[in-house]
Amino acid sequence: MTPQSFAFAISPFWPIAIGFFGLGTGYFIWGGQALFGYPKASPEVDRTMGLWGFWMPGFCQFLTGVYLIVGLTWFNVFGSAAPLYMAGLAFTVYGIHWFAMAHRRYTGRARRRMDGWRSLISSFPSLERMCLERLETFQ
């Protein structure tokens, strides 16, 4: 008996819209509350914002990152699109970052200063991607 193998067609569509949708929704909801101070901060508001932060930006970005990495490595449905590897890594890392921020806010242990320092660390995948794209242009 010979093993059965499958070959999937290369997709010209990159599934990054759901990641950017989640990111935009997270910035709109969390940023609007932080900028305008409405609704006023309270334990109930923090729990609600924590849930929103977990599901919209966190889950959407994590799902997009895993989808990209699996599509590139296991099924090869995006061809050899090198920028998608960094996009998959960045979406996954940022999704985990939103999970952590949302959990801290949901449990009432959020500290703005700590979240600010954590965001600096989470910016390294973007910096790495910019450097790799710059190197690709010189080759």
N, C-alpha and C. Protein backbone atom coordinates (compact mmCIF):
# COMPACT_ATOMS: atom_id res chain seq x y z
N MET A 1 0.86 -1.18 0.00
CA MET A 1 0.00 0.00 0.00
C MET A 1 0.90 1.24 0.00
N THR A 2 0.65 2.12 -0.93
CA THR A 2 1.45 3.35 -1.01
C THR A 2 0.81 4.44 -0.17
N PRO A 3 1.66 5.25 0.47
CA PRO A 3 1.09 6.35 1.27
C PRO A 3 0.44 7.40 0.38
N GLN A 4 -0.62 7.96 0.87
CA GLN A 4 -1.35 8.97 0.12
C GLN A 4 -0.82 10.36 0.48
N SER A 5 -0.62 11.19 -0.52
CA SER A 5 -0.14 12.55 -0.25
C SER A 5 -1.08 13.55 -0.90
N PHE A 6 -1.14 14.72 -0.31
CA PHE A 6 -1.99 15.78 -0.79
C PHE A 6 -1.13 16.97 -1.20
N ALA A 7 -1.56 17.66 -2.22
CA ALA A 7 -0.88 18.88 -2.64
C ALA A 7 -1.93 19.99 -2.72
N PHE A 8 -1.70 21.05 -2.00
CA PHE A 8 -2.63 22.17 -1.99
C PHE A 8 -2.16 23.24 -2.98
N ALA A 9 -3.11 23.92 -3.56
CA ALA A 9 -2.78 25.00 -4.49
C ALA A 9 -2.22 26.21 -3.74
N ILE A 10 -1.34 26.93 -4.39
CA ILE A 10 -0.78 28.14 -3.80
C ILE A 10 -1.87 29.22 -3.78
N SER A 11 -2.05 29.84 -2.63
CA SER A 11 -3.07 30.88 -2.49
C SER A 11 -2.45 32.26 -2.67
N PRO A 12 -3.01 33.09 -3.52
CA PRO A 12 -2.49 34.46 -3.65
C PRO A 12 -3.00 35.38 -2.54
N PHE A 13 -3.89 34.88 -1.72
CA PHE A 13 -4.49 35.70 -0.66
C PHE A 13 -3.85 35.39 0.68
N TRP A 14 -3.27 36.40 1.27
CA TRP A 14 -2.65 36.23 2.58
C TRP A 14 -3.68 36.54 3.65
N PRO A 15 -3.84 35.68 4.63
CA PRO A 15 -4.91 35.84 5.63
C PRO A 15 -4.51 36.77 6.77
N ILE A 16 -4.15 37.99 6.45
CA ILE A 16 -3.72 38.91 7.51
C ILE A 16 -4.80 39.90 7.91
N ALA A 17 -5.93 39.92 7.19
CA ALA A 17 -6.98 40.89 7.50
C ALA A 17 -7.56 40.68 8.89
N ILE A 18 -7.73 39.42 9.31
CA ILE A 18 -8.31 39.18 10.63
C ILE A 18 -7.37 39.66 11.74
N GLY A 19 -6.06 39.55 11.53
CA GLY A 19 -5.11 40.06 12.52
C GLY A 19 -5.17 41.57 12.63
N PHE A 20 -5.22 42.25 11.49
CA PHE A 20 -5.31 43.71 11.52
C PHE A 20 -6.66 44.19 12.02
N PHE A 21 -7.72 43.43 11.74
CA PHE A 21 -9.03 43.78 12.28
C PHE A 21 -9.03 43.71 13.80
N GLY A 22 -8.47 42.63 14.34
CA GLY A 22 -8.38 42.50 15.79
C GLY A 22 -7.53 43.59 16.41
N LEU A 23 -6.41 43.89 15.78
CA LEU A 23 -5.53 44.94 16.28
C LEU A 23 -6.23 46.29 16.28
N GLY A 24 -6.89 46.62 15.18
CA GLY A 24 -7.60 47.90 15.09
C GLY A 24 -8.72 48.00 16.11
N THR A 25 -9.45 46.91 16.30
CA THR A 25 -10.52 46.91 17.30
C THR A 25 -9.96 47.09 18.70
N GLY A 26 -8.85 46.42 18.99
CA GLY A 26 -8.23 46.56 20.31
C GLY A 26 -7.76 47.98 20.57
N TYR A 27 -7.09 48.58 19.58
CA TYR A 27 -6.65 49.96 19.76
C TYR A 27 -7.82 50.92 19.87
N PHE A 28 -8.88 50.66 19.11
CA PHE A 28 -10.05 51.53 19.16
C PHE A 28 -10.71 51.48 20.54
N ILE A 29 -10.88 50.29 21.08
CA ILE A 29 -11.58 50.15 22.37
C ILE A 29 -10.67 50.54 23.52
N TRP A 30 -9.47 49.98 23.60
CA TRP A 30 -8.59 50.29 24.71
C TRP A 30 -8.06 51.72 24.61
N GLY A 31 -7.69 52.12 23.41
CA GLY A 31 -7.16 53.47 23.23
C GLY A 31 -8.20 54.54 23.48
N GLY A 32 -9.43 54.29 23.03
CA GLY A 32 -10.51 55.25 23.28
C GLY A 32 -10.81 55.42 24.75
N GLN A 33 -10.81 54.32 25.48
CA GLN A 33 -11.06 54.40 26.92
C GLN A 33 -9.90 55.10 27.63
N ALA A 34 -8.69 54.84 27.21
CA ALA A 34 -7.53 55.48 27.85
C ALA A 34 -7.44 56.96 27.49
N LEU A 35 -7.76 57.31 26.24
CA LEU A 35 -7.62 58.69 25.79
C LEU A 35 -8.73 59.58 26.33
N PHE A 36 -9.96 59.12 26.26
CA PHE A 36 -11.10 59.95 26.65
C PHE A 36 -11.56 59.70 28.08
N GLY A 37 -11.07 58.65 28.70
CA GLY A 37 -11.46 58.36 30.08
C GLY A 37 -12.92 57.96 30.23
N TYR A 38 -13.49 57.46 29.13
CA TYR A 38 -14.88 57.02 29.18
C TYR A 38 -14.97 55.59 28.66
N PRO A 39 -15.56 54.72 29.35
CA PRO A 39 -16.15 54.85 30.68
C PRO A 39 -15.06 54.95 31.76
N LYS A 40 -15.44 55.51 32.87
CA LYS A 40 -14.50 55.69 33.98
C LYS A 40 -13.98 54.34 34.45
N ALA A 41 -12.73 54.32 34.85
CA ALA A 41 -12.11 53.08 35.30
C ALA A 41 -12.78 52.58 36.58
N SER A 42 -13.11 51.32 36.59
CA SER A 42 -13.69 50.64 37.75
C SER A 42 -13.39 49.16 37.57
N PRO A 43 -13.57 48.36 38.61
CA PRO A 43 -13.32 46.92 38.44
C PRO A 43 -14.17 46.28 37.34
N GLU A 44 -15.43 46.73 37.21
CA GLU A 44 -16.29 46.15 36.17
C GLU A 44 -15.80 46.54 34.77
N VAL A 45 -15.38 47.80 34.63
CA VAL A 45 -14.87 48.25 33.33
C VAL A 45 -13.56 47.52 33.02
N ASP A 46 -12.70 47.35 34.00
CA ASP A 46 -11.44 46.65 33.76
C ASP A 46 -11.67 45.20 33.35
N ARG A 47 -12.65 44.54 33.95
CA ARG A 47 -12.96 43.16 33.55
C ARG A 47 -13.49 43.12 32.12
N THR A 48 -14.35 44.04 31.78
CA THR A 48 -14.89 44.09 30.42
C THR A 48 -13.79 44.39 29.41
N MET A 49 -12.94 45.35 29.72
CA MET A 49 -11.84 45.69 28.81
C MET A 49 -10.86 44.52 28.70
N GLY A 50 -10.67 43.79 29.79
CA GLY A 50 -9.80 42.61 29.74
C GLY A 50 -10.35 41.55 28.81
N LEU A 51 -11.66 41.32 28.86
CA LEU A 51 -12.27 40.35 27.95
C LEU A 51 -12.15 40.80 26.50
N TRP A 52 -12.41 42.08 26.25
CA TRP A 52 -12.28 42.60 24.88
C TRP A 52 -10.83 42.47 24.40
N GLY A 53 -9.89 42.79 25.26
CA GLY A 53 -8.48 42.70 24.88
C GLY A 53 -8.04 41.27 24.62
N PHE A 54 -8.61 40.33 25.35
CA PHE A 54 -8.25 38.93 25.15
C PHE A 54 -8.78 38.41 23.83
N TRP A 55 -10.05 38.64 23.57
CA TRP A 55 -10.68 38.02 22.40
C TRP A 55 -10.43 38.76 21.10
N MET A 56 -10.56 40.05 21.07
CA MET A 56 -10.42 40.71 19.76
C MET A 56 -8.96 40.85 19.33
N PRO A 57 -8.15 41.67 19.96
CA PRO A 57 -6.78 41.77 19.46
C PRO A 57 -5.94 40.54 19.77
N GLY A 58 -6.11 39.96 20.96
CA GLY A 58 -5.29 38.82 21.34
C GLY A 58 -5.54 37.59 20.49
N PHE A 59 -6.78 37.14 20.49
CA PHE A 59 -7.10 35.92 19.77
C PHE A 59 -6.98 36.09 18.26
N CYS A 60 -7.45 37.22 17.74
CA CYS A 60 -7.38 37.43 16.28
C CYS A 60 -5.94 37.46 15.79
N GLN A 61 -5.04 38.11 16.52
CA GLN A 61 -3.65 38.16 16.09
C GLN A 61 -2.96 36.81 16.28
N PHE A 62 -3.23 36.15 17.38
CA PHE A 62 -2.63 34.83 17.62
C PHE A 62 -3.10 33.84 16.54
N LEU A 63 -4.39 33.85 16.24
CA LEU A 63 -4.93 32.97 15.22
C LEU A 63 -4.29 33.25 13.85
N THR A 64 -4.13 34.51 13.51
CA THR A 64 -3.51 34.87 12.23
C THR A 64 -2.06 34.40 12.18
N GLY A 65 -1.33 34.59 13.27
CA GLY A 65 0.06 34.16 13.29
C GLY A 65 0.21 32.66 13.13
N VAL A 66 -0.60 31.90 13.85
CA VAL A 66 -0.53 30.44 13.75
C VAL A 66 -0.97 29.99 12.36
N TYR A 67 -2.00 30.61 11.83
CA TYR A 67 -2.48 30.29 10.48
C TYR A 67 -1.37 30.51 9.45
N LEU A 68 -0.67 31.62 9.55
CA LEU A 68 0.41 31.91 8.61
C LEU A 68 1.55 30.90 8.73
N ILE A 69 1.97 30.64 9.95
CA ILE A 69 3.10 29.72 10.15
C ILE A 69 2.75 28.31 9.68
N VAL A 70 1.57 27.84 10.03
CA VAL A 70 1.15 26.50 9.60
C VAL A 70 0.99 26.45 8.08
N GLY A 71 0.40 27.49 7.50
CA GLY A 71 0.24 27.53 6.05
C GLY A 71 1.56 27.57 5.31
N LEU A 72 2.57 28.19 5.91
CA LEU A 72 3.89 28.28 5.28
C LEU A 72 4.71 27.01 5.46
N THR A 73 4.62 26.41 6.64
CA THR A 73 5.52 25.29 6.94
C THR A 73 4.90 23.92 6.67
N TRP A 74 3.69 23.68 7.11
CA TRP A 74 3.11 22.35 6.96
C TRP A 74 2.48 22.13 5.59
N PHE A 75 1.76 23.14 5.10
CA PHE A 75 0.96 22.94 3.89
C PHE A 75 1.49 23.69 2.67
N ASN A 76 2.39 24.61 2.84
CA ASN A 76 3.00 25.38 1.75
C ASN A 76 1.94 25.98 0.81
N VAL A 77 0.96 26.62 1.38
CA VAL A 77 -0.10 27.21 0.56
C VAL A 77 0.15 28.67 0.20
N PHE A 78 1.21 29.26 0.71
CA PHE A 78 1.52 30.65 0.38
C PHE A 78 2.80 30.77 -0.44
N GLY A 79 3.32 29.65 -0.91
CA GLY A 79 4.55 29.68 -1.69
C GLY A 79 5.73 30.02 -0.81
N SER A 80 6.70 30.65 -1.40
CA SER A 80 7.89 31.04 -0.63
C SER A 80 7.86 32.54 -0.37
N ALA A 81 6.81 32.99 0.28
CA ALA A 81 6.66 34.41 0.61
C ALA A 81 7.41 34.69 1.91
N ALA A 82 8.66 35.08 1.79
CA ALA A 82 9.52 35.28 2.96
C ALA A 82 8.97 36.29 3.97
N PRO A 83 8.36 37.41 3.55
CA PRO A 83 7.84 38.34 4.56
C PRO A 83 6.75 37.75 5.44
N LEU A 84 6.08 36.71 4.95
CA LEU A 84 5.02 36.11 5.77
C LEU A 84 5.57 35.37 6.97
N TYR A 85 6.80 34.90 6.92
CA TYR A 85 7.38 34.26 8.09
C TYR A 85 7.49 35.24 9.25
N MET A 86 8.00 36.42 8.95
CA MET A 86 8.12 37.44 10.01
C MET A 86 6.74 37.93 10.42
N ALA A 87 5.82 38.04 9.47
CA ALA A 87 4.45 38.45 9.83
C ALA A 87 3.81 37.41 10.73
N GLY A 88 4.02 36.14 10.43
CA GLY A 88 3.48 35.08 11.29
C GLY A 88 4.05 35.14 12.69
N LEU A 89 5.36 35.35 12.78
CA LEU A 89 5.99 35.48 14.10
C LEU A 89 5.46 36.70 14.84
N ALA A 90 5.39 37.83 14.14
CA ALA A 90 4.95 39.07 14.79
C ALA A 90 3.50 38.96 15.25
N PHE A 91 2.61 38.44 14.41
CA PHE A 91 1.22 38.30 14.82
C PHE A 91 1.08 37.38 16.02
N THR A 92 1.84 36.28 16.04
CA THR A 92 1.77 35.36 17.17
C THR A 92 2.26 36.03 18.45
N VAL A 93 3.39 36.70 18.38
CA VAL A 93 3.95 37.37 19.56
C VAL A 93 3.03 38.48 20.06
N TYR A 94 2.48 39.26 19.16
CA TYR A 94 1.59 40.34 19.58
C TYR A 94 0.29 39.79 20.14
N GLY A 95 -0.18 38.65 19.62
CA GLY A 95 -1.36 38.03 20.20
C GLY A 95 -1.11 37.59 21.63
N ILE A 96 0.04 37.00 21.88
CA ILE A 96 0.40 36.60 23.25
C ILE A 96 0.56 37.83 24.13
N HIS A 97 1.11 38.90 23.59
CA HIS A 97 1.26 40.15 24.32
C HIS A 97 -0.12 40.67 24.76
N TRP A 98 -1.10 40.65 23.84
CA TRP A 98 -2.45 41.10 24.20
C TRP A 98 -3.08 40.17 25.21
N PHE A 99 -2.80 38.85 25.12
CA PHE A 99 -3.32 37.92 26.12
C PHE A 99 -2.82 38.31 27.51
N ALA A 100 -1.54 38.61 27.60
CA ALA A 100 -0.96 38.96 28.91
C ALA A 100 -1.54 40.28 29.43
N MET A 101 -1.64 41.28 28.57
CA MET A 101 -2.20 42.56 29.02
C MET A 101 -3.67 42.41 29.44
N ALA A 102 -4.42 41.64 28.65
CA ALA A 102 -5.84 41.46 28.97
C ALA A 102 -6.01 40.69 30.28
N HIS A 103 -5.18 39.68 30.50
CA HIS A 103 -5.28 38.92 31.74
C HIS A 103 -4.98 39.80 32.95
N ARG A 104 -3.94 40.61 32.84
CA ARG A 104 -3.60 41.49 33.96
C ARG A 104 -4.72 42.49 34.22
N ARG A 105 -5.33 42.99 33.16
CA ARG A 105 -6.42 43.96 33.35
C ARG A 105 -7.67 43.28 33.89
N TYR A 106 -7.95 42.07 33.41
CA TYR A 106 -9.14 41.34 33.86
C TYR A 106 -9.04 41.00 35.34
N THR A 107 -7.85 40.64 35.80
CA THR A 107 -7.67 40.27 37.20
C THR A 107 -7.43 41.47 38.11
N GLY A 108 -7.37 42.67 37.54
CA GLY A 108 -7.20 43.87 38.34
C GLY A 108 -5.78 44.15 38.76
N ARG A 109 -4.81 43.56 38.08
CA ARG A 109 -3.41 43.77 38.44
C ARG A 109 -2.65 44.55 37.38
N ALA A 110 -3.35 45.26 36.52
CA ALA A 110 -2.69 46.00 35.44
C ALA A 110 -1.98 47.23 35.98
N ARG A 111 -0.77 47.43 35.53
CA ARG A 111 0.01 48.62 35.86
C ARG A 111 0.46 49.23 34.54
N ARG A 112 0.11 50.48 34.32
CA ARG A 112 0.43 51.11 33.04
C ARG A 112 1.93 51.14 32.76
N ARG A 113 2.71 51.35 33.78
CA ARG A 113 4.16 51.42 33.57
C ARG A 113 4.71 50.07 33.12
N MET A 114 4.25 48.98 33.73
CA MET A 114 4.71 47.65 33.32
C MET A 114 4.27 47.33 31.90
N ASP A 115 3.04 47.69 31.55
CA ASP A 115 2.57 47.42 30.20
C ASP A 115 3.37 48.23 29.18
N GLY A 116 3.79 49.41 29.53
CA GLY A 116 4.62 50.22 28.64
C GLY A 116 5.97 49.57 28.40
N TRP A 117 6.62 49.07 29.45
CA TRP A 117 7.90 48.39 29.28
C TRP A 117 7.74 47.11 28.47
N ARG A 118 6.65 46.39 28.71
CA ARG A 118 6.42 45.16 27.97
C ARG A 118 6.21 45.45 26.48
N SER A 119 5.58 46.58 26.18
CA SER A 119 5.37 46.92 24.77
C SER A 119 6.69 47.21 24.06
N LEU A 120 7.69 47.72 24.80
CA LEU A 120 9.00 47.92 24.18
C LEU A 120 9.62 46.60 23.78
N ILE A 121 9.50 45.59 24.63
CA ILE A 121 10.05 44.27 24.32
C ILE A 121 9.31 43.67 23.13
N SER A 122 8.00 43.87 23.08
CA SER A 122 7.22 43.29 21.98
C SER A 122 7.46 43.98 20.65
N SER A 123 8.15 45.09 20.63
CA SER A 123 8.42 45.77 19.37
C SER A 123 9.61 45.17 18.64
N PHE A 124 10.37 44.28 19.27
CA PHE A 124 11.55 43.70 18.62
C PHE A 124 11.22 42.89 17.36
N PRO A 125 10.13 42.10 17.32
CA PRO A 125 9.84 41.42 16.04
C PRO A 125 9.62 42.40 14.89
N SER A 126 9.01 43.54 15.15
CA SER A 126 8.81 44.53 14.08
C SER A 126 10.15 45.11 13.64
N LEU A 127 11.01 45.40 14.59
CA LEU A 127 12.33 45.92 14.23
C LEU A 127 13.13 44.89 13.45
N GLU A 128 13.02 43.64 13.87
CA GLU A 128 13.72 42.57 13.16
C GLU A 128 13.21 42.44 11.73
N ARG A 129 11.90 42.54 11.57
CA ARG A 129 11.32 42.45 10.22
C ARG A 129 11.80 43.60 9.35
N MET A 130 11.84 44.81 9.90
CA MET A 130 12.32 45.94 9.12
C MET A 130 13.76 45.74 8.68
N CYS A 131 14.60 45.23 9.58
CA CYS A 131 16.00 44.99 9.24
C CYS A 131 16.13 43.92 8.16
N LEU A 132 15.34 42.84 8.27
CA LEU A 132 15.40 41.79 7.26
C LEU A 132 14.93 42.28 5.90
N GLU A 133 13.89 43.10 5.87
CA GLU A 133 13.43 43.63 4.59
C GLU A 133 14.47 44.56 3.99
N ARG A 134 15.15 45.30 4.84
CA ARG A 134 16.21 46.20 4.36
C ARG A 134 17.35 45.40 3.76
N LEU A 135 17.70 44.28 4.41
CA LEU A 135 18.76 43.44 3.88
C LEU A 135 18.37 42.79 2.57
N GLU A 136 17.10 42.43 2.41
CA GLU A 136 16.65 41.83 1.17
C GLU A 136 16.74 42.80 -0.01
N THR A 137 16.58 44.08 0.25
CA THR A 137 16.66 45.05 -0.85
C THR A 137 18.08 45.23 -1.35
N PHE A 138 19.08 44.95 -0.50
CA PHE A 138 20.48 45.09 -0.91
C PHE A 138 21.01 43.86 -1.64
N GLN A 139 20.29 42.78 -1.61
CA GLN A 139 20.79 41.54 -2.25
C GLN A 139 20.46 41.50 -3.71
